Every structure is written in structure tokens, then in C-alpha cells.
Amino acid sequence: MSHAFANGLEISGKAVHANTIADFPDTCFTPPENPATPPGVPIPYPSFGFASDTEKGTGTVKIGGQNVNIKNKSDLSRPSGTEAACPATKDSITSNNTG
């Protein structure tokens, strides 16, 4: 597939064969050493993922017949890199970590 660009930047989406390597920071709570301190210690982790795992992409704009990422709205369905983190508490913004 040829590359699609907008404003000089390559567009990311399901049809693109690209990956995210060590995107920083993905700050997650991590279980501390004893004595435990709820909810844990916030630690920045590198995030890894593939553009082909796009979720919540465009509905009508397509490249190669597939959805395109929307800035600050699209997610990757199978990111990795936060496996050591623990789920967030009820007052947290998110609790999406893999592992």
C-alpha cells in the first residue's frame, strides 16, 4: 500500500502497517514494596502498539477501505507495556492496562 499524508505527516489507521514503539509516558499505578500504599506508586511506562489495532476510528473517512485514527479519540485495542501496573482505583481517570 502507498503512504497517505496530511499536513506533511503520515496518517495512521487500520490499513497502515506501522507500530508505536516506546511511546512515553503512559503513567500507571504500580504496586509498591511493603508497606503497601494504596493505590500504588505512579510510574511512567513505555507504550507499544500497532496501527492495525485501531478502535474508535473514523466512520466515513477510509484509507485502503479501513478506518483512520482520530487524534485524541482513537484507541489501540491491544497495547502493551503496562503489564506491571495494577488496576486504577475508583476515582482514577482510566484503568486500561494490559496483563
Protein backbone atom coordinates (compact mmCIF):
# COMPACT_ATOMS: atom_id res chain seq x y z
CA MET A 1 0.00 0.00 0.00
CA SER A 2 1.23 3.51 -0.74
CA HIS A 3 1.54 6.00 2.10
CA ALA A 4 -1.12 8.66 2.78
CA PHE A 5 -0.06 12.05 4.17
CA ALA A 6 -1.85 15.10 5.59
CA ASN A 7 -0.02 18.30 6.52
CA GLY A 8 3.29 16.52 5.90
CA LEU A 9 2.56 13.72 8.41
CA GLU A 10 1.73 10.10 7.62
CA ILE A 11 -1.85 9.16 8.50
CA SER A 12 -2.36 6.29 10.95
CA GLY A 13 -5.19 3.77 10.74
CA LYS A 14 -6.15 0.10 10.38
CA ALA A 15 -4.75 -0.21 6.83
CA VAL A 16 -1.36 1.25 7.78
CA HIS A 17 1.48 -1.15 8.56
CA ALA A 18 3.02 0.93 11.36
CA ASN A 19 3.68 0.48 15.04
CA THR A 20 4.21 2.60 18.12
CA ILE A 21 7.50 1.91 19.85
CA ALA A 22 8.08 3.13 23.42
CA ASP A 23 5.58 5.98 23.40
CA PHE A 24 6.05 7.90 26.70
CA PRO A 25 4.58 8.48 29.20
CA ASP A 26 1.77 6.07 29.95
CA THR A 27 1.61 6.67 33.70
CA CYS A 28 0.04 3.82 35.67
CA PHE A 29 -0.13 2.92 39.33
CA THR A 30 2.35 0.21 40.28
CA PRO A 31 2.22 -1.91 43.43
CA PRO A 32 4.83 -0.55 45.85
CA GLU A 33 7.11 -2.54 48.11
CA ASN A 34 5.99 -3.19 51.70
CA PRO A 35 4.38 -1.45 53.45
CA ALA A 36 1.82 -1.11 50.67
CA THR A 37 0.48 2.37 50.00
CA PRO A 38 -2.87 2.46 48.23
CA PRO A 39 -3.37 2.82 45.32
CA GLY A 40 0.30 2.34 44.48
CA VAL A 41 3.06 4.49 43.02
CA PRO A 42 2.52 6.31 39.69
CA ILE A 43 5.26 5.23 37.28
CA PRO A 44 5.61 6.15 33.57
CA TYR A 45 5.72 3.10 31.28
CA PRO A 46 6.57 2.88 27.57
CA SER A 47 3.59 2.01 25.41
CA PHE A 48 3.73 -0.26 22.34
CA GLY A 49 1.02 -0.93 19.76
CA PHE A 50 0.09 -1.43 16.11
CA ALA A 51 -1.91 0.96 13.91
CA SER A 52 -3.86 -2.04 12.62
CA ASP A 53 -5.41 -2.38 16.12
CA THR A 54 -7.26 0.96 15.82
CA GLU A 55 -10.58 1.29 17.69
CA LYS A 56 -13.00 4.23 17.58
CA GLY A 57 -11.67 5.36 14.21
CA THR A 58 -13.44 7.37 11.55
CA GLY A 59 -16.82 6.20 10.32
CA THR A 60 -16.82 7.67 6.82
CA VAL A 61 -13.20 8.61 6.02
CA LYS A 62 -11.32 5.49 4.90
CA ILE A 63 -7.83 4.68 3.64
CA GLY A 64 -7.44 1.31 1.97
CA GLY A 65 -11.07 0.61 2.91
CA GLN A 66 -10.24 0.81 6.63
CA ASN A 67 -10.89 3.30 9.47
CA VAL A 68 -8.43 6.12 10.15
CA ASN A 69 -7.29 7.20 13.64
CA ILE A 70 -8.85 10.33 15.14
CA LYS A 71 -6.44 12.48 17.17
CA ASN A 72 -7.08 12.18 20.93
CA LYS A 73 -10.13 9.89 20.36
CA SER A 74 -8.96 6.63 18.77
CA ASP A 75 -7.51 3.81 20.87
CA LEU A 76 -5.44 0.73 20.12
CA SER A 77 -7.24 -2.49 21.06
CA ARG A 78 -4.12 -4.39 22.18
CA PRO A 79 -1.47 -2.02 23.56
CA SER A 80 1.35 -3.47 25.65
CA GLY A 81 3.97 -2.17 28.04
CA THR A 82 1.90 -1.60 31.19
CA GLU A 83 1.72 -5.23 32.33
CA ALA A 84 3.49 -4.48 35.65
CA ALA A 85 0.88 -1.89 36.63
CA CYS A 86 -2.17 -2.56 38.79
CA PRO A 87 -5.77 -1.55 38.02
CA ALA A 88 -6.64 2.01 38.98
CA THR A 89 -8.92 2.86 41.90
CA LYS A 90 -12.50 4.11 41.52
CA ASP A 91 -11.51 7.82 41.45
CA SER A 92 -8.98 7.36 38.63
CA ILE A 93 -9.44 8.51 35.07
CA THR A 94 -8.68 5.14 33.47
CA SER A 95 -7.87 1.56 34.39
CA ASN A 96 -6.92 0.18 30.98
CA ASN A 97 -3.68 -1.71 31.43
CA THR A 98 -2.68 -4.99 29.84
CA GLY A 99 -1.57 -8.08 31.64
